[in-house]
Amino acid sequence: MSKIMGFVNEVRAELKRVSWPTRDELVGATTVVCILVIIFAAILGAMDAVFTLLIKNIVG
């Protein structure tokens, strides 16, 4: 049990040294990620539609 408590104390000490992002940085990064996900989803959806049409035309 003492090893577990030692580990938890070390984790707490490390978390105090972490450089956490500010709220503005976090919101900015989240916005960029959401926009990129939407863009890539649209691109992949369009590619899927094009390939589906091609396959349907080839197969008949």
PDB file of N, CA and C in Angstrom:
ATOM      1  N   MET A   1       0.824  -1.198   0.000  1.00  0.00           N
ATOM      2  CA  MET A   1       0.000   0.000   0.000  1.00  0.00           C
ATOM      3  C   MET A   1       0.870   1.264   0.000  1.00  0.00           C
ATOM      4  N   SER A   2       2.028   1.182   0.625  1.00  0.00           N
ATOM      5  CA  SER A   2       2.897   2.362   0.689  1.00  0.00           C
ATOM      6  C   SER A   2       3.463   2.706  -0.691  1.00  0.00           C
ATOM      7  N   LYS A   3       3.657   1.678  -1.544  1.00  0.00           N
ATOM      8  CA  LYS A   3       4.141   1.944  -2.904  1.00  0.00           C
ATOM      9  C   LYS A   3       3.090   2.705  -3.707  1.00  0.00           C
ATOM     10  N   ILE A   4       1.831   2.329  -3.507  1.00  0.00           N
ATOM     11  CA  ILE A   4       0.752   3.008  -4.229  1.00  0.00           C
ATOM     12  C   ILE A   4       0.664   4.459  -3.796  1.00  0.00           C
ATOM     13  N   MET A   5       0.738   4.711  -2.503  1.00  0.00           N
ATOM     14  CA  MET A   5       0.670   6.092  -2.002  1.00  0.00           C
ATOM     15  C   MET A   5       1.875   6.901  -2.483  1.00  0.00           C
ATOM     16  N   GLY A   6       3.041   6.259  -2.527  1.00  0.00           N
ATOM     17  CA  GLY A   6       4.222   6.943  -3.043  1.00  0.00           C
ATOM     18  C   GLY A   6       4.049   7.321  -4.500  1.00  0.00           C
ATOM     19  N   PHE A   7       3.465   6.398  -5.277  1.00  0.00           N
ATOM     20  CA  PHE A   7       3.213   6.671  -6.689  1.00  0.00           C
ATOM     21  C   PHE A   7       2.237   7.828  -6.851  1.00  0.00           C
ATOM     22  N   VAL A   8       1.158   7.811  -6.078  1.00  0.00           N
ATOM     23  CA  VAL A   8       0.159   8.888  -6.153  1.00  0.00           C
ATOM     24  C   VAL A   8       0.787  10.231  -5.793  1.00  0.00           C
ATOM     25  N   ASN A   9       1.626  10.253  -4.794  1.00  0.00           N
ATOM     26  CA  ASN A   9       2.296  11.503  -4.404  1.00  0.00           C
ATOM     27  C   ASN A   9       3.230  11.999  -5.504  1.00  0.00           C
ATOM     28  N   GLU A  10       3.938  11.079  -6.158  1.00  0.00           N
ATOM     29  CA  GLU A  10       4.807  11.469  -7.268  1.00  0.00           C
ATOM     30  C   GLU A  10       3.998  12.021  -8.445  1.00  0.00           C
ATOM     31  N   VAL A  11       2.864  11.403  -8.710  1.00  0.00           N
ATOM     32  CA  VAL A  11       1.997  11.888  -9.795  1.00  0.00           C
ATOM     33  C   VAL A  11       1.517  13.295  -9.485  1.00  0.00           C
ATOM     34  N   ARG A  12       1.089  13.518  -8.270  1.00  0.00           N
ATOM     35  CA  ARG A  12       0.637  14.871  -7.873  1.00  0.00           C
ATOM     36  C   ARG A  12       1.759  15.897  -8.054  1.00  0.00           C
ATOM     37  N   ALA A  13       2.964  15.531  -7.643  1.00  0.00           N
ATOM     38  CA  ALA A  13       4.096  16.447  -7.768  1.00  0.00           C
ATOM     39  C   ALA A  13       4.366  16.764  -9.238  1.00  0.00           C
ATOM     40  N   GLU A  14       4.287  15.756 -10.096  1.00  0.00           N
ATOM     41  CA  GLU A  14       4.527  15.977 -11.529  1.00  0.00           C
ATOM     42  C   GLU A  14       3.431  16.859 -12.131  1.00  0.00           C
ATOM     43  N   LEU A  15       2.186  16.628 -11.730  1.00  0.00           N
ATOM     44  CA  LEU A  15       1.081  17.420 -12.279  1.00  0.00           C
ATOM     45  C   LEU A  15       1.185  18.896 -11.885  1.00  0.00           C
ATOM     46  N   LYS A  16       1.809  19.180 -10.748  1.00  0.00           N
ATOM     47  CA  LYS A  16       2.002  20.577 -10.350  1.00  0.00           C
ATOM     48  C   LYS A  16       3.026  21.273 -11.239  1.00  0.00           C
ATOM     49  N   ARG A  17       3.927  20.488 -11.850  1.00  0.00           N
ATOM     50  CA  ARG A  17       4.967  21.059 -12.712  1.00  0.00           C
ATOM     51  C   ARG A  17       4.531  21.199 -14.167  1.00  0.00           C
ATOM     52  N   VAL A  18       3.375  20.645 -14.490  1.00  0.00           N
ATOM     53  CA  VAL A  18       2.894  20.684 -15.874  1.00  0.00           C
ATOM     54  C   VAL A  18       2.529  22.110 -16.248  1.00  0.00           C
ATOM     55  N   SER A  19       2.872  22.491 -17.462  1.00  0.00           N
ATOM     56  CA  SER A  19       2.503  23.803 -17.978  1.00  0.00           C
ATOM     57  C   SER A  19       1.145  23.676 -18.678  1.00  0.00           C
ATOM     58  N   TRP A  20       0.072  23.990 -17.943  1.00  0.00           N
ATOM     59  CA  TRP A  20      -1.275  23.833 -18.473  1.00  0.00           C
ATOM     60  C   TRP A  20      -1.601  24.991 -19.415  1.00  0.00           C
ATOM     61  N   PRO A  21      -2.352  24.727 -20.496  1.00  0.00           N
ATOM     62  CA  PRO A  21      -2.720  25.809 -21.417  1.00  0.00           C
ATOM     63  C   PRO A  21      -3.748  26.740 -20.776  1.00  0.00           C
ATOM     64  N   THR A  22      -3.727  27.977 -21.247  1.00  0.00           N
ATOM     65  CA  THR A  22      -4.737  28.923 -20.777  1.00  0.00           C
ATOM     66  C   THR A  22      -6.072  28.588 -21.439  1.00  0.00           C
ATOM     67  N   ARG A  23      -7.124  29.194 -20.945  1.00  0.00           N
ATOM     68  CA  ARG A  23      -8.452  28.940 -21.517  1.00  0.00           C
ATOM     69  C   ARG A  23      -8.501  29.350 -22.985  1.00  0.00           C
ATOM     70  N   ASP A  24      -7.901  30.493 -23.312  1.00  0.00           N
ATOM     71  CA  ASP A  24      -7.901  30.967 -24.701  1.00  0.00           C
ATOM     72  C   ASP A  24      -7.143  30.003 -25.614  1.00  0.00           C
ATOM     73  N   GLU A  25      -6.014  29.491 -25.157  1.00  0.00           N
ATOM     74  CA  GLU A  25      -5.258  28.520 -25.951  1.00  0.00           C
ATOM     75  C   GLU A  25      -6.062  27.243 -26.166  1.00  0.00           C
ATOM     76  N   LEU A  26      -6.738  26.811 -25.126  1.00  0.00           N
ATOM     77  CA  LEU A  26      -7.531  25.583 -25.204  1.00  0.00           C
ATOM     78  C   LEU A  26      -8.711  25.749 -26.159  1.00  0.00           C
ATOM     79  N   VAL A  27      -9.385  26.874 -26.076  1.00  0.00           N
ATOM     80  CA  VAL A  27     -10.514  27.135 -26.975  1.00  0.00           C
ATOM     81  C   VAL A  27     -10.023  27.239 -28.414  1.00  0.00           C
ATOM     82  N   GLY A  28      -8.899  27.892 -28.628  1.00  0.00           N
ATOM     83  CA  GLY A  28      -8.348  28.029 -29.979  1.00  0.00           C
ATOM     84  C   GLY A  28      -7.972  26.682 -30.577  1.00  0.00           C
ATOM     85  N   ALA A  29      -7.298  25.856 -29.794  1.00  0.00           N
ATOM     86  CA  ALA A  29      -6.887  24.541 -30.286  1.00  0.00           C
ATOM     87  C   ALA A  29      -8.102  23.661 -30.567  1.00  0.00           C
ATOM     88  N   THR A  30      -9.103  23.724 -29.703  1.00  0.00           N
ATOM     89  CA  THR A  30     -10.320  22.935 -29.901  1.00  0.00           C
ATOM     90  C   THR A  30     -11.055  23.378 -31.158  1.00  0.00           C
ATOM     91  N   THR A  31     -11.098  24.673 -31.394  1.00  0.00           N
ATOM     92  CA  THR A  31     -11.751  25.203 -32.594  1.00  0.00           C
ATOM     93  C   THR A  31     -11.045  24.714 -33.850  1.00  0.00           C
ATOM     94  N   VAL A  32      -9.724  24.776 -33.851  1.00  0.00           N
ATOM     95  CA  VAL A  32      -8.960  24.314 -35.011  1.00  0.00           C
ATOM     96  C   VAL A  32      -9.215  22.833 -35.266  1.00  0.00           C
ATOM     97  N   VAL A  33      -9.203  22.034 -34.220  1.00  0.00           N
ATOM     98  CA  VAL A  33      -9.437  20.595 -34.374  1.00  0.00           C
ATOM     99  C   VAL A  33     -10.828  20.333 -34.934  1.00  0.00           C
ATOM    100  N   CYS A  34     -11.837  20.996 -34.409  1.00  0.00           N
ATOM    101  CA  CYS A  34     -13.216  20.796 -34.890  1.00  0.00           C
ATOM    102  C   CYS A  34     -13.349  21.189 -36.357  1.00  0.00           C
ATOM    103  N   ILE A  35     -12.758  22.306 -36.751  1.00  0.00           N
ATOM    104  CA  ILE A  35     -12.834  22.745 -38.143  1.00  0.00           C
ATOM    105  C   ILE A  35     -12.127  21.750 -39.060  1.00  0.00           C
ATOM    106  N   LEU A  36     -10.954  21.284 -38.653  1.00  0.00           N
ATOM    107  CA  LEU A  36     -10.236  20.310 -39.478  1.00  0.00           C
ATOM    108  C   LEU A  36     -10.993  18.990 -39.601  1.00  0.00           C
ATOM    109  N   VAL A  37     -11.633  18.557 -38.534  1.00  0.00           N
ATOM    110  CA  VAL A  37     -12.427  17.327 -38.591  1.00  0.00           C
ATOM    111  C   VAL A  37     -13.570  17.485 -39.581  1.00  0.00           C
ATOM    112  N   ILE A  38     -14.243  18.614 -39.567  1.00  0.00           N
ATOM    113  CA  ILE A  38     -15.347  18.857 -40.494  1.00  0.00           C
ATOM    114  C   ILE A  38     -14.846  18.885 -41.940  1.00  0.00           C
ATOM    115  N   ILE A  39     -13.711  19.556 -42.167  1.00  0.00           N
ATOM    116  CA  ILE A  39     -13.155  19.637 -43.527  1.00  0.00           C
ATOM    117  C   ILE A  39     -12.776  18.252 -44.037  1.00  0.00           C
ATOM    118  N   PHE A  40     -12.053  17.476 -43.227  1.00  0.00           N
ATOM    119  CA  PHE A  40     -11.639  16.147 -43.672  1.00  0.00           C
ATOM    120  C   PHE A  40     -12.826  15.214 -43.845  1.00  0.00           C
ATOM    121  N   ALA A  41     -13.848  15.347 -43.011  1.00  0.00           N
ATOM    122  CA  ALA A  41     -15.054  14.527 -43.171  1.00  0.00           C
ATOM    123  C   ALA A  41     -15.748  14.861 -44.487  1.00  0.00           C
ATOM    124  N   ALA A  42     -15.798  16.138 -44.847  1.00  0.00           N
ATOM    125  CA  ALA A  42     -16.410  16.543 -46.110  1.00  0.00           C
ATOM    126  C   ALA A  42     -15.611  16.011 -47.299  1.00  0.00           C
ATOM    127  N   ILE A  43     -14.298  16.091 -47.212  1.00  0.00           N
ATOM    128  CA  ILE A  43     -13.446  15.580 -48.294  1.00  0.00           C
ATOM    129  C   ILE A  43     -13.629  14.074 -48.449  1.00  0.00           C
ATOM    130  N   LEU A  44     -13.585  13.342 -47.343  1.00  0.00           N
ATOM    131  CA  LEU A  44     -13.759  11.896 -47.416  1.00  0.00           C
ATOM    132  C   LEU A  44     -15.157  11.519 -47.898  1.00  0.00           C
ATOM    133  N   GLY A  45     -16.167  12.260 -47.478  1.00  0.00           N
ATOM    134  CA  GLY A  45     -17.529  12.012 -47.947  1.00  0.00           C
ATOM    135  C   GLY A  45     -17.654  12.237 -49.448  1.00  0.00           C
ATOM    136  N   ALA A  46     -17.032  13.297 -49.943  1.00  0.00           N
ATOM    137  CA  ALA A  46     -17.068  13.574 -51.384  1.00  0.00           C
ATOM    138  C   ALA A  46     -16.321  12.487 -52.163  1.00  0.00           C
ATOM    139  N   MET A  47     -15.177  12.073 -51.657  1.00  0.00           N
ATOM    140  CA  MET A  47     -14.428  11.006 -52.332  1.00  0.00           C
ATOM    141  C   MET A  47     -15.238   9.710 -52.348  1.00  0.00           C
ATOM    142  N   ASP A  48     -15.910   9.405 -51.255  1.00  0.00           N
ATOM    143  CA  ASP A  48     -16.739   8.209 -51.183  1.00  0.00           C
ATOM    144  C   ASP A  48     -17.864   8.272 -52.206  1.00  0.00           C
ATOM    145  N   ALA A  49     -18.494   9.428 -52.325  1.00  0.00           N
ATOM    146  CA  ALA A  49     -19.580   9.578 -53.295  1.00  0.00           C
ATOM    147  C   ALA A  49     -19.067   9.399 -54.726  1.00  0.00           C
ATOM    148  N   VAL A  50     -17.921   9.979 -55.034  1.00  0.00           N
ATOM    149  CA  VAL A  50     -17.349   9.863 -56.379  1.00  0.00           C
ATOM    150  C   VAL A  50     -16.991   8.415 -56.682  1.00  0.00           C
ATOM    151  N   PHE A  51     -16.318   7.752 -55.758  1.00  0.00           N
ATOM    152  CA  PHE A  51     -15.936   6.352 -55.987  1.00  0.00           C
ATOM    153  C   PHE A  51     -17.162   5.452 -56.084  1.00  0.00           C
ATOM    154  N   THR A  52     -18.195   5.739 -55.306  1.00  0.00           N
ATOM    155  CA  THR A  52     -19.428   4.956 -55.402  1.00  0.00           C
ATOM    156  C   THR A  52     -20.040   5.083 -56.780  1.00  0.00           C
ATOM    157  N   LEU A  53     -20.091   6.315 -57.315  1.00  0.00           N
ATOM    158  CA  LEU A  53     -20.636   6.527 -58.663  1.00  0.00           C
ATOM    159  C   LEU A  53     -19.789   5.803 -59.710  1.00  0.00           C
ATOM    160  N   LEU A  54     -18.473   5.879 -59.571  1.00  0.00           N
ATOM    161  CA  LEU A  54     -17.586   5.200 -60.516  1.00  0.00           C
ATOM    162  C   LEU A  54     -17.807   3.683 -60.500  1.00  0.00           C
ATOM    163  N   ILE A  55     -17.890   3.127 -59.319  1.00  0.00           N
ATOM    164  CA  ILE A  55     -18.074   1.673 -59.205  1.00  0.00           C
ATOM    165  C   ILE A  55     -19.433   1.266 -59.771  1.00  0.00           C
ATOM    166  N   LYS A  56     -20.467   2.063 -59.496  1.00  0.00           N
ATOM    167  CA  LYS A  56     -21.798   1.747 -60.031  1.00  0.00           C
ATOM    168  C   LYS A  56     -21.801   1.797 -61.543  1.00  0.00           C
ATOM    169  N   ASN A  57     -21.083   2.756 -62.124  1.00  0.00           N
ATOM    170  CA  ASN A  57     -21.025   2.855 -63.576  1.00  0.00           C
ATOM    171  C   ASN A  57     -20.208   1.721 -64.198  1.00  0.00           C
ATOM    172  N   ILE A  58     -19.157   1.294 -63.511  1.00  0.00           N
ATOM    173  CA  ILE A  58     -18.339   0.197 -64.029  1.00  0.00           C
ATOM    174  C   ILE A  58     -19.081  -1.123 -63.935  1.00  0.00           C
ATOM    175  N   VAL A  59     -19.685  -1.385 -62.791  1.00  0.00           N
ATOM    176  CA  VAL A  59     -20.377  -2.664 -62.560  1.00  0.00           C
ATOM    177  C   VAL A  59     -21.675  -2.718 -63.343  1.00  0.00           C
ATOM    178  N   GLY A  60     -22.342  -1.621 -63.418  1.00  0.00           N
ATOM    179  CA  GLY A  60     -23.505  -1.609 -64.281  1.00  0.00           C
ATOM    180  C   GLY A  60     -24.783  -1.419 -63.598  1.00  0.00           C
TER     181      GLY A  60
END
